[in-house]
Amino acid sequence: MITTRDWEDARRIWSYHQMGHALHPCSVAIGLGSHDLGVADTSVDLYKRGLVPLLLFTGATSPTTRERMPRGEAVHYRERAIELGVPGSAVLVEPRARNTGENIRFARDVLEKEGVEVASVLLISKPYEERRAYATARKLWPEVEIISASTPMTLDEYVNSIGDARLVIDMLVGALQRLMIYPDQGFMIRQPVPADVSEAYQRLRQAGFTSRLLATDSPFS
């Protein structure tokens, strides 16, 4: 049973995860691999709008994508982009990354190897991963401008696309926990968490939305 209060708290956290960056032309778009082909679709849309001249998809496989994307997330994203009309010469692939930090580091390495000069990056992720992707990239690639983007959609629309409301709220809670504890581990820059967002997080934890939490002794856990 998901209560009205649970939904209010989930929407508050959903809004916090989204950066609200104004989009502008960048050197490259980097699409972070996941189960969500919407990342590829949004990357293609930004390419067709002339915001980037080049796409780079990064990601291997995970337990949640191995069956659906057996050739790897980045490879399937590239195939999707070409299917949607992007020329293959405009799509690079980084097929090894297994977490957000590796996505950034390995993508940067590919671009350096290809001789691509990067001053700014359109970083495309799932909607509830915008802030995490941004904070990670700013830590690992501080010399470039990072614009965080995702498929424009509401929480309700995302829940409908996944088909499992409880899982989505669990993912929102888990992503927020990582934003709070990963800076201390050197994985990302620290992001201020407003009091109302922190309170929503604690209530959802207490309500049992915990399947995506990491085991930790952090005071924020």
Protein backbone atom coordinates (compact mmCIF):
# COMPACT_ATOMS: atom_id res chain seq x y z
CA MET A 1 0.00 0.00 0.00
CA ILE A 2 1.48 3.33 -1.09
CA THR A 3 -0.12 6.17 0.83
CA THR A 4 -0.84 9.70 -0.30
CA ARG A 5 1.98 10.89 1.95
CA ASP A 6 4.35 8.38 0.35
CA TRP A 7 3.54 9.77 -3.08
CA GLU A 8 4.04 13.35 -1.88
CA ASP A 9 7.44 12.41 -0.48
CA ALA A 10 8.38 10.53 -3.66
CA ARG A 11 7.48 13.55 -5.83
CA ARG A 12 9.59 15.80 -3.61
CA ILE A 13 12.61 13.53 -4.03
CA TRP A 14 11.93 13.09 -7.76
CA SER A 15 12.02 16.88 -8.21
CA TYR A 16 15.25 17.14 -6.24
CA HIS A 17 16.97 14.53 -8.40
CA GLN A 18 16.32 16.64 -11.49
CA MET A 19 18.76 19.50 -12.06
CA GLY A 20 16.63 21.71 -14.29
CA HIS A 21 19.60 22.77 -16.39
CA ALA A 22 18.98 24.96 -19.43
CA LEU A 23 20.19 23.06 -22.48
CA HIS A 24 22.62 24.64 -24.94
CA PRO A 25 25.04 23.35 -27.60
CA CYS A 26 27.84 21.20 -26.19
CA SER A 27 30.90 19.38 -27.50
CA VAL A 28 29.38 15.92 -27.03
CA ALA A 29 26.44 14.08 -25.50
CA ILE A 30 27.28 11.17 -23.21
CA GLY A 31 24.43 8.72 -22.62
CA LEU A 32 24.80 6.65 -19.46
CA GLY A 33 23.88 3.00 -19.95
CA SER A 34 21.00 1.43 -18.05
CA HIS A 35 17.82 -0.55 -18.66
CA ASP A 36 16.18 2.60 -20.04
CA LEU A 37 16.31 3.01 -23.84
CA GLY A 38 14.81 6.45 -23.27
CA VAL A 39 18.38 7.62 -22.63
CA ALA A 40 19.26 6.70 -26.20
CA ASP A 41 16.08 8.27 -27.57
CA THR A 42 16.72 11.55 -25.74
CA SER A 43 20.33 11.58 -26.91
CA VAL A 44 19.13 11.21 -30.49
CA ASP A 45 16.61 14.02 -30.02
CA LEU A 46 19.32 16.37 -28.77
CA TYR A 47 21.57 15.40 -31.68
CA LYS A 48 18.79 16.07 -34.21
CA ARG A 49 18.10 19.43 -32.56
CA GLY A 50 21.69 20.40 -33.28
CA LEU A 51 22.79 20.60 -29.65
CA VAL A 52 25.68 18.15 -30.14
CA PRO A 53 27.69 16.89 -33.14
CA LEU A 54 28.59 13.58 -31.50
CA LEU A 55 27.04 10.93 -29.24
CA LEU A 56 28.94 8.62 -26.93
CA PHE A 57 27.14 5.77 -25.17
CA THR A 58 28.80 4.12 -22.19
CA GLY A 59 27.90 0.94 -20.31
CA ALA A 60 28.48 -2.79 -20.14
CA THR A 61 25.74 -5.01 -18.69
CA SER A 62 24.27 -5.46 -15.23
CA PRO A 63 21.99 -8.04 -13.63
CA THR A 64 19.00 -5.92 -14.71
CA THR A 65 20.09 -5.53 -18.35
CA ARG A 66 21.94 -8.74 -19.20
CA GLU A 67 18.93 -10.51 -20.72
CA ARG A 68 17.44 -7.46 -22.41
CA MET A 69 20.75 -6.07 -23.71
CA PRO A 70 23.07 -9.07 -24.09
CA ARG A 71 25.56 -7.18 -26.29
CA GLY A 72 25.93 -4.46 -23.67
CA GLU A 73 23.99 -1.30 -22.86
CA ALA A 74 26.18 1.04 -24.92
CA VAL A 75 26.03 -1.23 -27.97
CA HIS A 76 22.24 -1.47 -27.80
CA TYR A 77 22.01 2.31 -27.37
CA ARG A 78 24.17 2.81 -30.48
CA GLU A 79 21.97 0.43 -32.46
CA ARG A 80 18.92 2.37 -31.32
CA ALA A 81 20.46 5.69 -32.34
CA ILE A 82 21.33 4.38 -35.81
CA GLU A 83 17.83 2.92 -36.13
CA LEU A 84 16.49 6.42 -35.40
CA GLY A 85 18.60 7.98 -38.15
CA VAL A 86 21.90 9.05 -36.56
CA PRO A 87 24.87 8.20 -38.82
CA GLY A 88 27.18 5.58 -37.36
CA SER A 89 30.12 7.97 -37.71
CA ALA A 90 28.47 10.24 -35.11
CA VAL A 91 28.10 7.54 -32.43
CA LEU A 92 30.94 6.30 -30.25
CA VAL A 93 30.70 3.38 -27.81
CA GLU A 94 32.39 2.71 -24.49
CA PRO A 95 31.39 -0.87 -23.59
CA ARG A 96 33.17 -1.56 -20.26
CA ALA A 97 31.73 0.77 -17.60
CA ARG A 98 29.73 -0.83 -14.79
CA ASN A 99 28.97 2.19 -12.59
CA THR A 100 28.58 5.94 -12.94
CA GLY A 101 32.19 6.69 -12.05
CA GLU A 102 33.44 4.31 -14.72
CA ASN A 103 30.95 5.78 -17.20
CA ILE A 104 32.61 9.17 -16.78
CA ARG A 105 36.23 8.03 -16.63
CA PHE A 106 36.03 5.57 -19.51
CA ALA A 107 34.00 7.94 -21.70
CA ARG A 108 36.60 10.66 -21.16
CA ASP A 109 39.34 8.20 -22.14
CA VAL A 110 37.53 7.28 -25.38
CA LEU A 111 37.09 10.92 -26.34
CA GLU A 112 40.75 11.65 -25.64
CA LYS A 113 41.80 8.66 -27.75
CA GLU A 114 39.57 9.83 -30.61
CA GLY A 115 41.05 13.33 -30.40
CA VAL A 116 37.73 14.99 -29.53
CA GLU A 117 38.19 18.36 -27.84
CA VAL A 118 35.67 18.61 -25.02
CA ALA A 119 34.73 21.88 -23.38
CA SER A 120 31.18 20.93 -22.42
CA VAL A 121 29.13 17.75 -22.04
CA LEU A 122 25.43 17.04 -22.27
CA LEU A 123 25.21 14.22 -19.75
CA ILE A 124 22.08 12.14 -20.32
CA SER A 125 20.75 9.74 -17.70
CA LYS A 126 17.52 8.32 -16.32
CA PRO A 127 15.33 11.13 -14.89
CA TYR A 128 16.02 10.25 -11.25
CA GLU A 129 19.78 9.99 -11.86
CA GLU A 130 20.37 13.52 -13.18
CA ARG A 131 21.84 14.91 -9.97
CA ARG A 132 23.93 11.83 -9.24
CA ALA A 133 25.38 11.88 -12.77
CA TYR A 134 26.13 15.59 -12.49
CA ALA A 135 27.79 15.30 -9.07
CA THR A 136 29.93 12.38 -10.25
CA ALA A 137 31.04 14.12 -13.45
CA ARG A 138 31.91 17.33 -11.60
CA LYS A 139 34.14 15.31 -9.28
CA LEU A 140 35.91 13.30 -11.98
CA TRP A 141 35.96 15.80 -14.86
CA PRO A 142 35.97 19.25 -13.22
CA GLU A 143 37.55 21.10 -16.13
CA VAL A 144 34.53 20.75 -18.44
CA GLU A 145 31.04 22.19 -18.19
CA ILE A 146 28.44 19.55 -17.32
CA ILE A 147 24.82 19.97 -18.39
CA SER A 148 22.63 17.23 -16.95
CA ALA A 149 19.61 16.09 -18.93
CA SER A 150 17.08 13.28 -19.17
CA THR A 151 13.83 12.41 -20.89
CA PRO A 152 11.28 15.06 -19.82
CA MET A 153 8.58 13.26 -17.87
CA THR A 154 6.66 13.34 -14.60
CA LEU A 155 7.02 10.79 -11.84
CA ASP A 156 3.64 9.32 -12.76
CA GLU A 157 4.73 8.91 -16.38
CA TYR A 158 7.95 7.22 -15.30
CA VAL A 159 6.11 4.85 -12.98
CA ASN A 160 3.79 3.92 -15.85
CA SER A 161 6.78 3.25 -18.10
CA ILE A 162 8.39 0.93 -15.51
CA GLY A 163 5.16 -0.68 -14.32
CA ASP A 164 6.22 -1.05 -10.68
CA ALA A 165 5.51 1.95 -8.44
CA ARG A 166 7.14 0.50 -5.35
CA LEU A 167 10.35 -0.28 -7.22
CA VAL A 168 10.52 3.26 -8.59
CA ILE A 169 10.17 4.77 -5.11
CA ASP A 170 12.81 2.36 -3.84
CA MET A 171 15.13 3.62 -6.61
CA LEU A 172 14.46 7.26 -5.72
CA VAL A 173 15.35 6.57 -2.10
CA GLY A 174 18.46 4.59 -3.03
CA ALA A 175 19.71 7.29 -5.40
CA LEU A 176 19.31 9.92 -2.69
CA GLN A 177 21.20 7.82 -0.15
CA ARG A 178 24.12 7.62 -2.56
CA LEU A 179 24.10 11.37 -3.07
CA MET A 180 24.46 11.78 0.67
CA ILE A 181 27.15 9.18 1.39
CA TYR A 182 29.26 9.01 -1.76
CA PRO A 183 30.94 12.44 -1.35
CA ASP A 184 32.61 11.15 1.83
CA GLN A 185 33.96 8.24 -0.21
CA GLY A 186 35.37 10.53 -2.88
CA PHE A 187 32.96 9.44 -5.62
CA MET A 188 31.20 12.77 -6.26
CA ILE A 189 30.94 16.38 -5.17
CA ARG A 190 28.61 17.17 -2.28
CA GLN A 191 25.13 18.39 -3.11
CA PRO A 192 23.11 20.29 -0.49
CA VAL A 193 20.00 18.34 0.50
CA PRO A 194 17.11 20.59 1.57
CA ALA A 195 15.48 19.75 4.90
CA ASP A 196 12.14 18.83 3.31
CA VAL A 197 13.86 16.38 0.96
CA SER A 198 15.83 14.80 3.82
CA GLU A 199 12.64 14.46 5.86
CA ALA A 200 10.83 12.84 2.91
CA TYR A 201 13.73 10.41 2.56
CA GLN A 202 13.56 9.41 6.23
CA ARG A 203 9.79 8.87 6.09
CA LEU A 204 10.04 6.67 3.01
CA ARG A 205 12.79 4.62 4.64
CA GLN A 206 10.62 4.14 7.70
CA ALA A 207 7.71 3.15 5.43
CA GLY A 208 9.84 0.32 4.03
CA PHE A 209 11.07 1.67 0.68
CA THR A 210 14.50 0.21 1.26
CA SER A 211 15.29 -2.42 -1.38
CA ARG A 212 17.81 -0.19 -3.18
CA LEU A 213 19.63 1.06 -0.08
CA LEU A 214 23.28 0.30 0.60
CA ALA A 215 24.27 -1.16 3.96
CA THR A 216 26.09 1.65 5.75
CA ASP A 217 26.65 3.15 9.17
CA SER A 218 26.45 6.69 7.79
CA PRO A 219 24.35 9.07 9.90
CA PHE A 220 22.43 9.88 6.72
CA SER A 221 21.42 6.26 6.10
